[in-house]
């Protein structure tokens, strides 16, 4: 990671407490300030990374199915 990236991450993280309080205030009043929420999400993603996304199979359900085939001399040997 470069020095600039580390500095940006640190700067974004420094706003965590302020932005959490802002989000809590918006949540109590109702979601009327979407631009502010978007900016907060950007700071959090740059400071803490995006949330981990779960892996799921087709249509978002079940396990992921992996099919491995060996192709030798142009023939599909399944």
PDB file of N, CA and C in Angstrom:
ATOM      1  N   UNK A   1       0.844  -1.168   0.000  1.00  0.00           N
ATOM      2  CA  UNK A   1       0.000   0.000   0.000  1.00  0.00           C
ATOM      3  C   UNK A   1       0.894   1.237   0.000  1.00  0.00           C
ATOM      4  N   UNK A   2       0.539   2.207  -0.809  1.00  0.00           N
ATOM      5  CA  UNK A   2       1.344   3.416  -0.890  1.00  0.00           C
ATOM      6  C   UNK A   2       1.070   4.321   0.309  1.00  0.00           C
ATOM      7  N   UNK A   3       1.977   5.252   0.533  1.00  0.00           N
ATOM      8  CA  UNK A   3       1.828   6.209   1.642  1.00  0.00           C
ATOM      9  C   UNK A   3       0.549   7.009   1.469  1.00  0.00           C
ATOM     10  N   UNK A   4       0.256   7.425   0.227  1.00  0.00           N
ATOM     11  CA  UNK A   4      -0.942   8.220  -0.023  1.00  0.00           C
ATOM     12  C   UNK A   4      -2.199   7.424   0.314  1.00  0.00           C
ATOM     13  N   UNK A   5      -2.245   6.155  -0.094  1.00  0.00           N
ATOM     14  CA  UNK A   5      -3.415   5.325   0.191  1.00  0.00           C
ATOM     15  C   UNK A   5      -3.585   5.139   1.691  1.00  0.00           C
ATOM     16  N   UNK A   6      -2.491   4.937   2.406  1.00  0.00           N
ATOM     17  CA  UNK A   6      -2.561   4.769   3.853  1.00  0.00           C
ATOM     18  C   UNK A   6      -3.038   6.062   4.512  1.00  0.00           C
ATOM     19  N   UNK A   7      -2.567   7.202   4.025  1.00  0.00           N
ATOM     20  CA  UNK A   7      -3.005   8.483   4.573  1.00  0.00           C
ATOM     21  C   UNK A   7      -4.487   8.718   4.318  1.00  0.00           C
ATOM     22  N   UNK A   8      -4.963   8.375   3.117  1.00  0.00           N
ATOM     23  CA  UNK A   8      -6.377   8.536   2.787  1.00  0.00           C
ATOM     24  C   UNK A   8      -7.230   7.638   3.673  1.00  0.00           C
ATOM     25  N   UNK A   9      -6.807   6.394   3.859  1.00  0.00           N
ATOM     26  CA  UNK A   9      -7.538   5.470   4.716  1.00  0.00           C
ATOM     27  C   UNK A   9      -7.604   6.022   6.143  1.00  0.00           C
ATOM     28  N   UNK A  10      -6.491   6.500   6.641  1.00  0.00           N
ATOM     29  CA  UNK A  10      -6.440   7.043   7.992  1.00  0.00           C
ATOM     30  C   UNK A  10      -7.338   8.269   8.125  1.00  0.00           C
ATOM     31  N   UNK A  11      -7.301   9.146   7.141  1.00  0.00           N
ATOM     32  CA  UNK A  11      -8.147  10.339   7.172  1.00  0.00           C
ATOM     33  C   UNK A  11      -9.626   9.954   7.182  1.00  0.00           C
ATOM     34  N   UNK A  12     -10.017   9.023   6.330  1.00  0.00           N
ATOM     35  CA  UNK A  12     -11.410   8.581   6.282  1.00  0.00           C
ATOM     36  C   UNK A  12     -11.826   7.942   7.603  1.00  0.00           C
ATOM     37  N   UNK A  13     -10.946   7.144   8.180  1.00  0.00           N
ATOM     38  CA  UNK A  13     -11.259   6.500   9.459  1.00  0.00           C
ATOM     39  C   UNK A  13     -11.436   7.523  10.575  1.00  0.00           C
ATOM     40  N   UNK A  14     -10.762   8.661  10.467  1.00  0.00           N
ATOM     41  CA  UNK A  14     -10.870   9.676  11.513  1.00  0.00           C
ATOM     42  C   UNK A  14     -12.280  10.267  11.599  1.00  0.00           C
ATOM     43  N   UNK A  15     -13.083  10.100  10.555  1.00  0.00           N
ATOM     44  CA  UNK A  15     -14.449  10.611  10.547  1.00  0.00           C
ATOM     45  C   UNK A  15     -15.473   9.580  11.029  1.00  0.00           C
ATOM     46  N   UNK A  16     -15.030   8.413  11.451  1.00  0.00           N
ATOM     47  CA  UNK A  16     -15.957   7.340  11.819  1.00  0.00           C
ATOM     48  C   UNK A  16     -16.944   7.769  12.895  1.00  0.00           C
ATOM     49  N   UNK A  17     -16.466   8.305  13.996  1.00  0.00           N
ATOM     50  CA  UNK A  17     -17.380   8.678  15.086  1.00  0.00           C
ATOM     51  C   UNK A  17     -18.376   9.738  14.633  1.00  0.00           C
ATOM     52  N   UNK A  18     -17.908  10.750  13.936  1.00  0.00           N
ATOM     53  CA  UNK A  18     -18.790  11.814  13.448  1.00  0.00           C
ATOM     54  C   UNK A  18     -19.847  11.264  12.506  1.00  0.00           C
ATOM     55  N   UNK A  19     -19.430  10.399  11.586  1.00  0.00           N
ATOM     56  CA  UNK A  19     -20.387   9.886  10.598  1.00  0.00           C
ATOM     57  C   UNK A  19     -21.379   8.911  11.220  1.00  0.00           C
ATOM     58  N   UNK A  20     -20.948   8.148  12.210  1.00  0.00           N
ATOM     59  CA  UNK A  20     -21.884   7.250  12.887  1.00  0.00           C
ATOM     60  C   UNK A  20     -22.965   8.073  13.584  1.00  0.00           C
ATOM     61  N   UNK A  21     -22.569   9.148  14.224  1.00  0.00           N
ATOM     62  CA  UNK A  21     -23.551  10.021  14.888  1.00  0.00           C
ATOM     63  C   UNK A  21     -24.506  10.643  13.857  1.00  0.00           C
ATOM     64  N   UNK A  22     -23.974  11.048  12.719  1.00  0.00           N
ATOM     65  CA  UNK A  22     -24.801  11.628  11.662  1.00  0.00           C
ATOM     66  C   UNK A  22     -25.811  10.614  11.136  1.00  0.00           C
ATOM     67  N   UNK A  23     -25.337   9.385  10.866  1.00  0.00           N
ATOM     68  CA  UNK A  23     -26.237   8.334  10.377  1.00  0.00           C
ATOM     69  C   UNK A  23     -27.324   8.046  11.415  1.00  0.00           C
ATOM     70  N   UNK A  24     -26.955   7.995  12.682  1.00  0.00           N
ATOM     71  CA  UNK A  24     -27.936   7.745  13.735  1.00  0.00           C
ATOM     72  C   UNK A  24     -28.983   8.862  13.765  1.00  0.00           C
ATOM     73  N   UNK A  25     -28.546  10.104  13.614  1.00  0.00           N
ATOM     74  CA  UNK A  25     -29.483  11.231  13.583  1.00  0.00           C
ATOM     75  C   UNK A  25     -30.421  11.163  12.392  1.00  0.00           C
ATOM     76  N   UNK A  26     -29.881  10.813  11.231  1.00  0.00           N
ATOM     77  CA  UNK A  26     -30.710  10.684  10.026  1.00  0.00           C
ATOM     78  C   UNK A  26     -31.707   9.541  10.194  1.00  0.00           C
ATOM     79  N   UNK A  27     -31.245   8.446  10.783  1.00  0.00           N
ATOM     80  CA  UNK A  27     -32.129   7.289  10.993  1.00  0.00           C
ATOM     81  C   UNK A  27     -33.284   7.650  11.911  1.00  0.00           C
ATOM     82  N   UNK A  28     -33.043   8.483  12.902  1.00  0.00           N
ATOM     83  CA  UNK A  28     -34.099   8.877  13.834  1.00  0.00           C
ATOM     84  C   UNK A  28     -35.110   9.803  13.178  1.00  0.00           C
ATOM     85  N   UNK A  29     -34.642  10.677  12.264  1.00  0.00           N
ATOM     86  CA  UNK A  29     -35.529  11.635  11.598  1.00  0.00           C
ATOM     87  C   UNK A  29     -36.200  11.041  10.363  1.00  0.00           C
ATOM     88  N   UNK A  30     -35.560  10.083   9.769  1.00  0.00           N
ATOM     89  CA  UNK A  30     -36.058   9.533   8.507  1.00  0.00           C
ATOM     90  C   UNK A  30     -35.043   9.803   7.416  1.00  0.00           C
ATOM     91  N   UNK A  31     -35.007   8.956   6.385  1.00  0.00           N
ATOM     92  CA  UNK A  31     -33.975   9.066   5.342  1.00  0.00           C
ATOM     93  C   UNK A  31     -34.259  10.184   4.340  1.00  0.00           C
ATOM     94  N   UNK A  32     -34.055  11.436   4.771  1.00  0.00           N
ATOM     95  CA  UNK A  32     -34.302  12.569   3.877  1.00  0.00           C
ATOM     96  C   UNK A  32     -33.020  13.147   3.291  1.00  0.00           C
ATOM     97  N   UNK A  33     -31.885  12.776   3.836  1.00  0.00           N
ATOM     98  CA  UNK A  33     -30.635  13.398   3.435  1.00  0.00           C
ATOM     99  C   UNK A  33     -29.744  12.397   2.703  1.00  0.00           C
ATOM    100  N   UNK A  34     -30.156  11.970   1.514  1.00  0.00           N
ATOM    101  CA  UNK A  34     -29.457  10.903   0.801  1.00  0.00           C
ATOM    102  C   UNK A  34     -28.053  11.294   0.356  1.00  0.00           C
ATOM    103  N   UNK A  35     -27.822  12.563   0.022  1.00  0.00           N
ATOM    104  CA  UNK A  35     -26.476  12.983  -0.387  1.00  0.00           C
ATOM    105  C   UNK A  35     -25.486  12.821   0.760  1.00  0.00           C
ATOM    106  N   UNK A  36     -25.912  13.176   1.969  1.00  0.00           N
ATOM    107  CA  UNK A  36     -25.035  13.045   3.128  1.00  0.00           C
ATOM    108  C   UNK A  36     -24.745  11.572   3.401  1.00  0.00           C
ATOM    109  N   UNK A  37     -25.770  10.721   3.276  1.00  0.00           N
ATOM    110  CA  UNK A  37     -25.567   9.281   3.481  1.00  0.00           C
ATOM    111  C   UNK A  37     -24.616   8.698   2.440  1.00  0.00           C
ATOM    112  N   UNK A  38     -24.715   9.150   1.206  1.00  0.00           N
ATOM    113  CA  UNK A  38     -23.821   8.683   0.145  1.00  0.00           C
ATOM    114  C   UNK A  38     -22.375   9.068   0.461  1.00  0.00           C
ATOM    115  N   UNK A  39     -22.172  10.303   0.912  1.00  0.00           N
ATOM    116  CA  UNK A  39     -20.825  10.753   1.258  1.00  0.00           C
ATOM    117  C   UNK A  39     -20.267   9.947   2.429  1.00  0.00           C
ATOM    118  N   UNK A  40     -21.104   9.670   3.414  1.00  0.00           N
ATOM    119  CA  UNK A  40     -20.673   8.876   4.567  1.00  0.00           C
ATOM    120  C   UNK A  40     -20.283   7.471   4.122  1.00  0.00           C
ATOM    121  N   UNK A  41     -21.082   6.865   3.253  1.00  0.00           N
ATOM    122  CA  UNK A  41     -20.770   5.524   2.752  1.00  0.00           C
ATOM    123  C   UNK A  41     -19.428   5.522   2.037  1.00  0.00           C
ATOM    124  N   UNK A  42     -19.155   6.569   1.281  1.00  0.00           N
ATOM    125  CA  UNK A  42     -17.871   6.660   0.583  1.00  0.00           C
ATOM    126  C   UNK A  42     -16.712   6.742   1.581  1.00  0.00           C
ATOM    127  N   UNK A  43     -16.870   7.545   2.621  1.00  0.00           N
ATOM    128  CA  UNK A  43     -15.817   7.647   3.641  1.00  0.00           C
ATOM    129  C   UNK A  43     -15.593   6.304   4.315  1.00  0.00           C
ATOM    130  N   UNK A  44     -16.666   5.620   4.686  1.00  0.00           N
ATOM    131  CA  UNK A  44     -16.536   4.324   5.363  1.00  0.00           C
ATOM    132  C   UNK A  44     -15.854   3.305   4.461  1.00  0.00           C
ATOM    133  N   UNK A  45     -16.243   3.266   3.181  1.00  0.00           N
ATOM    134  CA  UNK A  45     -15.630   2.303   2.254  1.00  0.00           C
ATOM    135  C   UNK A  45     -14.145   2.583   2.075  1.00  0.00           C
ATOM    136  N   UNK A  46     -13.776   3.840   2.003  1.00  0.00           N
ATOM    137  CA  UNK A  46     -12.360   4.164   1.832  1.00  0.00           C
ATOM    138  C   UNK A  46     -11.575   3.964   3.121  1.00  0.00           C
ATOM    139  N   UNK A  47     -12.231   4.152   4.250  1.00  0.00           N
ATOM    140  CA  UNK A  47     -11.556   3.994   5.527  1.00  0.00           C
ATOM    141  C   UNK A  47     -11.506   2.565   6.024  1.00  0.00           C
ATOM    142  N   UNK A  48     -12.585   1.844   5.832  1.00  0.00           N
ATOM    143  CA  UNK A  48     -12.704   0.501   6.415  1.00  0.00           C
ATOM    144  C   UNK A  48     -12.884  -0.599   5.388  1.00  0.00           C
ATOM    145  N   UNK A  49     -13.061  -0.251   4.117  1.00  0.00           N
ATOM    146  CA  UNK A  49     -13.282  -1.257   3.074  1.00  0.00           C
ATOM    147  C   UNK A  49     -14.761  -1.564   2.923  1.00  0.00           C
ATOM    148  N   UNK A  50     -15.107  -2.135   1.802  1.00  0.00           N
ATOM    149  CA  UNK A  50     -16.502  -2.505   1.564  1.00  0.00           C
ATOM    150  C   UNK A  50     -16.854  -3.727   2.393  1.00  0.00           C
ATOM    151  N   UNK A  51     -18.126  -3.855   2.769  1.00  0.00           N
ATOM    152  CA  UNK A  51     -18.540  -5.046   3.518  1.00  0.00           C
ATOM    153  C   UNK A  51     -18.306  -6.313   2.703  1.00  0.00           C
ATOM    154  N   UNK A  52     -18.009  -7.394   3.367  1.00  0.00           N
ATOM    155  CA  UNK A  52     -17.803  -8.677   2.711  1.00  0.00           C
ATOM    156  C   UNK A  52     -19.121  -9.129   2.093  1.00  0.00           C
ATOM    157  N   UNK A  53     -19.045  -9.571   0.856  1.00  0.00           N
ATOM    158  CA  UNK A  53     -20.235 -10.046   0.160  1.00  0.00           C
ATOM    159  C   UNK A  53     -20.306 -11.562   0.258  1.00  0.00           C
ATOM    160  N   UNK A  54     -21.450 -12.101   0.658  1.00  0.00           N
ATOM    161  CA  UNK A  54     -21.569 -13.555   0.730  1.00  0.00           C
ATOM    162  C   UNK A  54     -21.600 -14.170  -0.665  1.00  0.00           C
ATOM    163  N   UNK A  55     -21.127 -15.383  -0.757  1.00  0.00           N
ATOM    164  CA  UNK A  55     -21.177 -16.103  -2.029  1.00  0.00           C
ATOM    165  C   UNK A  55     -22.355 -17.058  -1.982  1.00  0.00           C
ATOM    166  N   UNK A  56     -23.115 -17.099  -3.054  1.00  0.00           N
ATOM    167  CA  UNK A  56     -24.271 -17.986  -3.108  1.00  0.00           C
ATOM    168  C   UNK A  56     -24.410 -18.537  -4.517  1.00  0.00           C
ATOM    169  N   UNK A  57     -25.186 -19.578  -4.627  1.00  0.00           N
ATOM    170  CA  UNK A  57     -25.409 -20.217  -5.918  1.00  0.00           C
ATOM    171  C   UNK A  57     -26.392 -19.439  -6.772  1.00  0.00           C
ATOM    172  N   UNK A  58     -26.961 -20.122  -7.728  1.00  0.00           N
ATOM    173  CA  UNK A  58     -27.911 -19.515  -8.649  1.00  0.00           C
ATOM    174  C   UNK A  58     -29.056 -18.871  -7.897  1.00  0.00           C
ATOM    175  N   UNK A  59     -29.493 -17.721  -8.356  1.00  0.00           N
ATOM    176  CA  UNK A  59     -30.599 -16.970  -7.758  1.00  0.00           C
ATOM    177  C   UNK A  59     -30.329 -16.595  -6.302  1.00  0.00           C
ATOM    178  N   UNK A  60     -29.048 -16.528  -5.918  1.00  0.00           N
ATOM    179  CA  UNK A  60     -28.695 -16.114  -4.572  1.00  0.00           C
ATOM    180  C   UNK A  60     -28.961 -17.136  -3.490  1.00  0.00           C
ATOM    181  N   UNK A  61     -29.212 -18.369  -3.873  1.00  0.00           N
ATOM    182  CA  UNK A  61     -29.526 -19.399  -2.885  1.00  0.00           C
ATOM    183  C   UNK A  61     -28.595 -20.594  -3.040  1.00  0.00           C
ATOM    184  N   UNK A  62     -28.379 -21.303  -1.962  1.00  0.00           N
ATOM    185  CA  UNK A  62     -27.618 -22.552  -1.991  1.00  0.00           C
ATOM    186  C   UNK A  62     -26.139 -22.353  -2.235  1.00  0.00           C
ATOM    187  N   UNK A  63     -25.475 -23.459  -2.474  1.00  0.00           N
ATOM    188  CA  UNK A  63     -24.036 -23.463  -2.691  1.00  0.00           C
ATOM    189  C   UNK A  63     -23.697 -23.087  -4.123  1.00  0.00           C
ATOM    190  N   UNK A  64     -22.456 -22.672  -4.316  1.00  0.00           N
ATOM    191  CA  UNK A  64     -21.953 -22.403  -5.657  1.00  0.00           C
ATOM    192  C   UNK A  64     -21.535 -23.732  -6.266  1.00  0.00           C
ATOM    193  N   UNK A  65     -21.933 -23.975  -7.501  1.00  0.00           N
ATOM    194  CA  UNK A  65     -21.588 -25.219  -8.180  1.00  0.00           C
ATOM    195  C   UNK A  65     -20.453 -24.955  -9.153  1.00  0.00           C
ATOM    196  N   UNK A  66     -19.409 -25.748  -9.056  1.00  0.00           N
ATOM    197  CA  UNK A  66     -18.244 -25.613  -9.927  1.00  0.00           C
ATOM    198  C   UNK A  66     -18.093 -26.900 -10.719  1.00  0.00           C
ATOM    199  N   UNK A  67     -17.968 -26.769 -12.043  1.00  0.00           N
ATOM    200  CA  UNK A  67     -17.754 -27.917 -12.910  1.00  0.00           C
ATOM    201  C   UNK A  67     -16.377 -27.775 -13.544  1.00  0.00           C
ATOM    202  N   UNK A  68     -15.554 -28.805 -13.392  1.00  0.00           N
ATOM    203  CA  UNK A  68     -14.209 -28.804 -13.974  1.00  0.00           C
ATOM    204  C   UNK A  68     -14.152 -29.911 -15.024  1.00  0.00           C
ATOM    205  N   UNK A  69     -13.707 -29.533 -16.209  1.00  0.00           N
ATOM    206  CA  UNK A  69     -13.594 -30.504 -17.288  1.00  0.00           C
ATOM    207  C   UNK A  69     -12.156 -30.534 -17.775  1.00  0.00           C
ATOM    208  N   UNK A  70     -11.691 -31.714 -18.120  1.00  0.00           N
ATOM    209  CA  UNK A  70     -10.373 -31.865 -18.727  1.00  0.00           C
ATOM    210  C   UNK A  70     -10.562 -32.065 -20.224  1.00  0.00           C
ATOM    211  N   UNK A  71      -9.947 -31.211 -20.992  1.00  0.00           N
ATOM    212  CA  UNK A  71     -10.018 -31.345 -22.445  1.00  0.00           C
ATOM    213  C   UNK A  71      -8.627 -31.741 -22.930  1.00  0.00           C
ATOM    214  N   UNK A  72      -8.538 -32.944 -23.523  1.00  0.00           N
ATOM    215  CA  UNK A  72      -7.259 -33.475 -23.979  1.00  0.00           C
ATOM    216  C   UNK A  72      -7.371 -33.744 -25.480  1.00  0.00           C
ATOM    217  N   UNK A  73      -6.385 -33.230 -26.218  1.00  0.00           N
ATOM    218  CA  UNK A  73      -6.331 -33.450 -27.671  1.00  0.00           C
ATOM    219  C   UNK A  73      -7.656 -33.065 -28.352  1.00  0.00           C
ATOM    220  N   UNK A  74      -8.257 -31.973 -27.884  1.00  0.00           N
ATOM    221  CA  UNK A  74      -9.470 -31.486 -28.538  1.00  0.00           C
ATOM    222  C   UNK A  74     -10.719 -32.282 -28.203  1.00  0.00           C
ATOM    223  N   UNK A  75     -10.636 -33.258 -27.306  1.00  0.00           N
ATOM    224  CA  UNK A  75     -11.808 -34.061 -26.939  1.00  0.00           C
ATOM    225  C   UNK A  75     -12.279 -33.662 -25.540  1.00  0.00           C
ATOM    226  N   UNK A  76     -13.572 -33.578 -25.380  1.00  0.00           N
ATOM    227  CA  UNK A  76     -14.148 -33.306 -24.058  1.00  0.00           C
ATOM    228  C   UNK A  76     -14.390 -34.639 -23.380  1.00  0.00           C
ATOM    229  N   UNK A  77     -13.621 -34.959 -22.362  1.00  0.00           N
ATOM    230  CA  UNK A  77     -13.748 -36.248 -21.666  1.00  0.00           C
ATOM    231  C   UNK A  77     -14.496 -36.064 -20.350  1.00  0.00           C
ATOM    232  N   UNK A  78     -15.829 -35.926 -20.425  1.00  0.00           N
ATOM    233  CA  UNK A  78     -16.628 -35.761 -19.203  1.00  0.00           C
ATOM    234  C   UNK A  78     -17.295 -37.031 -18.800  1.00  0.00           C
TER     235      UNK A  78
END
